[in-house]
């Protein structure tokens, strides 16, 4: 099955709270990149217009693209609240 691409924008507020916005879900990475080009000049997004590497901890404010395969569990373990 072909993957889909989830485009999100994350901004961490002064109090540490994360403000995440789902921009859309796309059929290709190039379509997600095109969406970034369409919205990165809009208010708020223009303050943090970069596509970020999710493995890097240097920057957290900006766009993220995650690849998912449909009809699969992507979080199969439980969780705890600390």
N, C-alpha and C. Protein backbone atom coordinates (compact mmCIF):
# COMPACT_ATOMS: atom_id res chain seq x y z
N UNK A 1 0.84 -1.17 0.00
CA UNK A 1 0.00 0.00 0.00
C UNK A 1 0.89 1.24 0.00
N UNK A 2 0.49 2.24 -0.76
CA UNK A 2 1.25 3.49 -0.86
C UNK A 2 1.07 4.32 0.42
N UNK A 3 2.13 4.97 0.85
CA UNK A 3 2.00 5.81 2.05
C UNK A 3 1.29 7.12 1.75
N UNK A 4 0.81 7.77 2.81
CA UNK A 4 0.30 9.13 2.73
C UNK A 4 1.20 9.99 3.60
N UNK A 5 1.11 11.30 3.43
CA UNK A 5 2.02 12.22 4.10
C UNK A 5 1.22 13.25 4.88
N UNK A 6 1.42 13.25 6.20
CA UNK A 6 0.74 14.16 7.11
C UNK A 6 1.61 15.39 7.30
N UNK A 7 1.06 16.56 6.97
CA UNK A 7 1.78 17.82 7.14
C UNK A 7 1.21 18.55 8.35
N UNK A 8 2.10 18.86 9.29
CA UNK A 8 1.72 19.59 10.49
C UNK A 8 2.64 20.79 10.68
N UNK A 9 2.15 21.76 11.42
CA UNK A 9 2.98 22.90 11.83
C UNK A 9 2.95 22.94 13.35
N UNK A 10 4.11 23.09 13.95
CA UNK A 10 4.22 23.12 15.41
C UNK A 10 4.86 24.42 15.84
N UNK A 11 4.26 25.02 16.87
CA UNK A 11 4.82 26.20 17.51
C UNK A 11 4.71 25.98 19.02
N UNK A 12 5.82 26.10 19.72
CA UNK A 12 5.82 25.94 21.17
C UNK A 12 5.64 27.33 21.79
N UNK A 13 4.59 27.46 22.59
CA UNK A 13 4.26 28.73 23.23
C UNK A 13 5.22 29.02 24.38
N UNK A 14 5.21 30.25 24.86
CA UNK A 14 6.13 30.68 25.92
C UNK A 14 5.98 29.84 27.19
N UNK A 15 4.77 29.33 27.44
CA UNK A 15 4.54 28.52 28.64
C UNK A 15 4.91 27.05 28.43
N UNK A 16 5.46 26.71 27.25
CA UNK A 16 5.87 25.35 26.95
C UNK A 16 4.81 24.50 26.29
N UNK A 17 3.60 25.02 26.21
CA UNK A 17 2.50 24.29 25.57
C UNK A 17 2.72 24.24 24.05
N UNK A 18 2.43 23.09 23.46
CA UNK A 18 2.60 22.92 22.02
C UNK A 18 1.31 23.28 21.29
N UNK A 19 1.44 24.12 20.27
CA UNK A 19 0.32 24.51 19.42
C UNK A 19 0.55 23.84 18.06
N UNK A 20 -0.06 22.68 17.88
CA UNK A 20 0.12 21.90 16.64
C UNK A 20 -1.10 22.09 15.75
N UNK A 21 -0.84 22.25 14.47
CA UNK A 21 -1.90 22.40 13.49
C UNK A 21 -1.70 21.38 12.38
N UNK A 22 -2.73 20.62 12.07
CA UNK A 22 -2.67 19.70 10.93
C UNK A 22 -3.04 20.51 9.70
N UNK A 23 -2.12 20.59 8.75
CA UNK A 23 -2.36 21.34 7.51
C UNK A 23 -3.12 20.46 6.53
N UNK A 24 -2.73 19.20 6.41
CA UNK A 24 -3.41 18.30 5.49
C UNK A 24 -2.71 16.97 5.38
N UNK A 25 -3.35 16.08 4.65
CA UNK A 25 -2.80 14.74 4.37
C UNK A 25 -2.71 14.62 2.86
N UNK A 26 -1.55 14.22 2.36
CA UNK A 26 -1.26 14.27 0.93
C UNK A 26 -0.81 12.91 0.41
N UNK A 27 -1.02 12.72 -0.87
CA UNK A 27 -0.69 11.44 -1.51
C UNK A 27 0.79 11.29 -1.83
N UNK A 28 1.55 12.39 -1.75
CA UNK A 28 2.99 12.31 -2.02
C UNK A 28 3.72 13.35 -1.19
N UNK A 29 5.00 13.12 -0.99
CA UNK A 29 5.82 14.09 -0.26
C UNK A 29 5.89 15.40 -1.04
N UNK A 30 5.96 15.32 -2.36
CA UNK A 30 6.03 16.54 -3.16
C UNK A 30 4.75 17.37 -3.03
N UNK A 31 3.60 16.72 -2.88
CA UNK A 31 2.35 17.45 -2.67
C UNK A 31 2.35 18.14 -1.30
N UNK A 32 2.92 17.49 -0.29
CA UNK A 32 3.03 18.11 1.03
C UNK A 32 3.99 19.30 0.98
N UNK A 33 5.08 19.17 0.25
CA UNK A 33 6.02 20.29 0.10
C UNK A 33 5.35 21.46 -0.62
N UNK A 34 4.53 21.17 -1.61
CA UNK A 34 3.80 22.22 -2.33
C UNK A 34 2.84 22.94 -1.38
N UNK A 35 2.23 22.20 -0.47
CA UNK A 35 1.33 22.81 0.52
C UNK A 35 2.09 23.77 1.43
N UNK A 36 3.30 23.40 1.81
CA UNK A 36 4.13 24.31 2.62
C UNK A 36 4.33 25.61 1.86
N UNK A 37 4.66 25.52 0.58
CA UNK A 37 4.86 26.72 -0.23
C UNK A 37 3.61 27.59 -0.26
N UNK A 38 2.44 26.97 -0.25
CA UNK A 38 1.19 27.73 -0.31
C UNK A 38 0.87 28.45 1.00
N UNK A 39 1.24 27.86 2.14
CA UNK A 39 0.82 28.45 3.42
C UNK A 39 1.94 29.16 4.19
N UNK A 40 3.18 28.98 3.80
CA UNK A 40 4.28 29.51 4.62
C UNK A 40 4.35 31.03 4.68
N UNK A 41 3.64 31.73 3.82
CA UNK A 41 3.62 33.19 3.87
C UNK A 41 2.43 33.73 4.66
N UNK A 42 1.57 32.84 5.12
CA UNK A 42 0.38 33.26 5.87
C UNK A 42 0.77 33.64 7.31
N UNK A 43 -0.05 34.51 7.94
CA UNK A 43 0.25 34.92 9.32
C UNK A 43 0.45 33.71 10.24
N UNK A 44 1.43 33.82 11.10
CA UNK A 44 1.76 32.73 12.03
C UNK A 44 2.74 31.76 11.40
N UNK A 45 2.36 31.17 10.26
CA UNK A 45 3.27 30.25 9.58
C UNK A 45 4.53 30.97 9.11
N UNK A 46 4.37 32.24 8.72
CA UNK A 46 5.52 32.99 8.21
C UNK A 46 6.56 33.26 9.30
N UNK A 47 6.16 33.17 10.57
CA UNK A 47 7.12 33.34 11.67
C UNK A 47 8.03 32.12 11.82
N UNK A 48 7.54 30.96 11.39
CA UNK A 48 8.28 29.69 11.50
C UNK A 48 8.06 28.90 10.22
N UNK A 49 8.64 29.34 9.08
CA UNK A 49 8.31 28.76 7.78
C UNK A 49 9.14 27.55 7.35
N UNK A 50 10.04 27.09 8.19
CA UNK A 50 10.97 26.04 7.77
C UNK A 50 10.38 24.65 7.91
N UNK A 51 10.81 23.76 7.00
CA UNK A 51 10.54 22.33 7.14
C UNK A 51 11.63 21.77 8.04
N UNK A 52 11.23 21.12 9.12
CA UNK A 52 12.20 20.66 10.12
C UNK A 52 12.39 19.15 10.07
N UNK A 53 13.55 18.73 10.50
CA UNK A 53 13.88 17.32 10.63
C UNK A 53 13.32 16.83 11.96
N UNK A 54 12.39 15.88 11.97
CA UNK A 54 11.79 15.44 13.23
C UNK A 54 12.79 14.77 14.18
N UNK A 55 13.94 14.36 13.68
CA UNK A 55 14.95 13.72 14.53
C UNK A 55 15.88 14.73 15.19
N UNK A 56 15.83 15.98 14.73
CA UNK A 56 16.69 17.02 15.28
C UNK A 56 15.99 17.71 16.45
N UNK A 57 16.73 17.99 17.49
CA UNK A 57 16.17 18.70 18.63
C UNK A 57 16.63 20.15 18.66
N UNK A 58 17.34 20.59 17.60
CA UNK A 58 17.84 21.96 17.56
C UNK A 58 16.72 22.98 17.43
N UNK A 59 15.74 22.68 16.59
CA UNK A 59 14.60 23.56 16.39
C UNK A 59 13.33 22.73 16.49
N UNK A 60 12.28 23.33 17.03
CA UNK A 60 11.01 22.60 17.13
C UNK A 60 9.87 23.35 16.45
N UNK A 61 10.03 24.64 16.19
CA UNK A 61 8.96 25.43 15.58
C UNK A 61 9.07 25.38 14.07
N UNK A 62 8.03 24.88 13.41
CA UNK A 62 8.02 24.83 11.96
C UNK A 62 7.17 23.68 11.45
N UNK A 63 7.38 23.33 10.19
CA UNK A 63 6.60 22.30 9.52
C UNK A 63 7.26 20.93 9.67
N UNK A 64 6.42 19.91 9.77
CA UNK A 64 6.86 18.52 9.84
C UNK A 64 6.05 17.70 8.84
N UNK A 65 6.71 16.79 8.15
CA UNK A 65 6.03 15.85 7.27
C UNK A 65 6.30 14.44 7.80
N UNK A 66 5.22 13.72 8.09
CA UNK A 66 5.33 12.35 8.57
C UNK A 66 4.68 11.41 7.56
N UNK A 67 5.33 10.28 7.32
CA UNK A 67 4.82 9.28 6.37
C UNK A 67 4.06 8.20 7.13
N UNK A 68 2.87 7.88 6.64
CA UNK A 68 2.05 6.83 7.25
C UNK A 68 1.51 5.90 6.18
N UNK A 69 1.34 4.65 6.55
CA UNK A 69 0.64 3.68 5.70
C UNK A 69 -0.74 3.51 6.31
N UNK A 70 -1.77 3.59 5.48
CA UNK A 70 -3.14 3.48 5.97
C UNK A 70 -3.44 2.06 6.45
N UNK A 71 -4.41 1.96 7.33
CA UNK A 71 -4.89 0.68 7.86
C UNK A 71 -3.82 -0.08 8.64
N UNK A 72 -2.88 0.65 9.23
CA UNK A 72 -1.87 0.06 10.11
C UNK A 72 -1.89 0.80 11.43
N UNK A 73 -1.63 0.08 12.51
CA UNK A 73 -1.47 0.74 13.81
C UNK A 73 -0.09 1.38 13.84
N UNK A 74 -0.05 2.63 14.23
CA UNK A 74 1.23 3.34 14.31
C UNK A 74 1.64 3.61 15.75
N UNK A 75 0.77 3.27 16.68
CA UNK A 75 1.10 3.33 18.11
C UNK A 75 0.44 2.12 18.72
N UNK A 76 1.20 1.08 18.93
CA UNK A 76 0.61 -0.18 19.39
C UNK A 76 0.90 -0.48 20.86
N UNK A 77 1.69 0.38 21.50
CA UNK A 77 2.00 0.19 22.91
C UNK A 77 1.10 1.10 23.73
N UNK A 78 1.02 0.85 25.00
CA UNK A 78 0.24 1.71 25.88
C UNK A 78 0.97 3.02 26.13
N UNK A 79 0.51 3.74 27.15
CA UNK A 79 1.19 4.97 27.53
C UNK A 79 1.00 5.20 29.02
N UNK A 80 1.86 6.03 29.57
CA UNK A 80 1.71 6.44 30.97
C UNK A 80 1.77 7.96 31.01
N UNK A 81 1.13 8.53 31.99
CA UNK A 81 1.19 9.97 32.20
C UNK A 81 2.12 10.22 33.38
N UNK A 82 3.12 11.05 33.16
CA UNK A 82 4.11 11.32 34.20
C UNK A 82 3.81 12.66 34.84
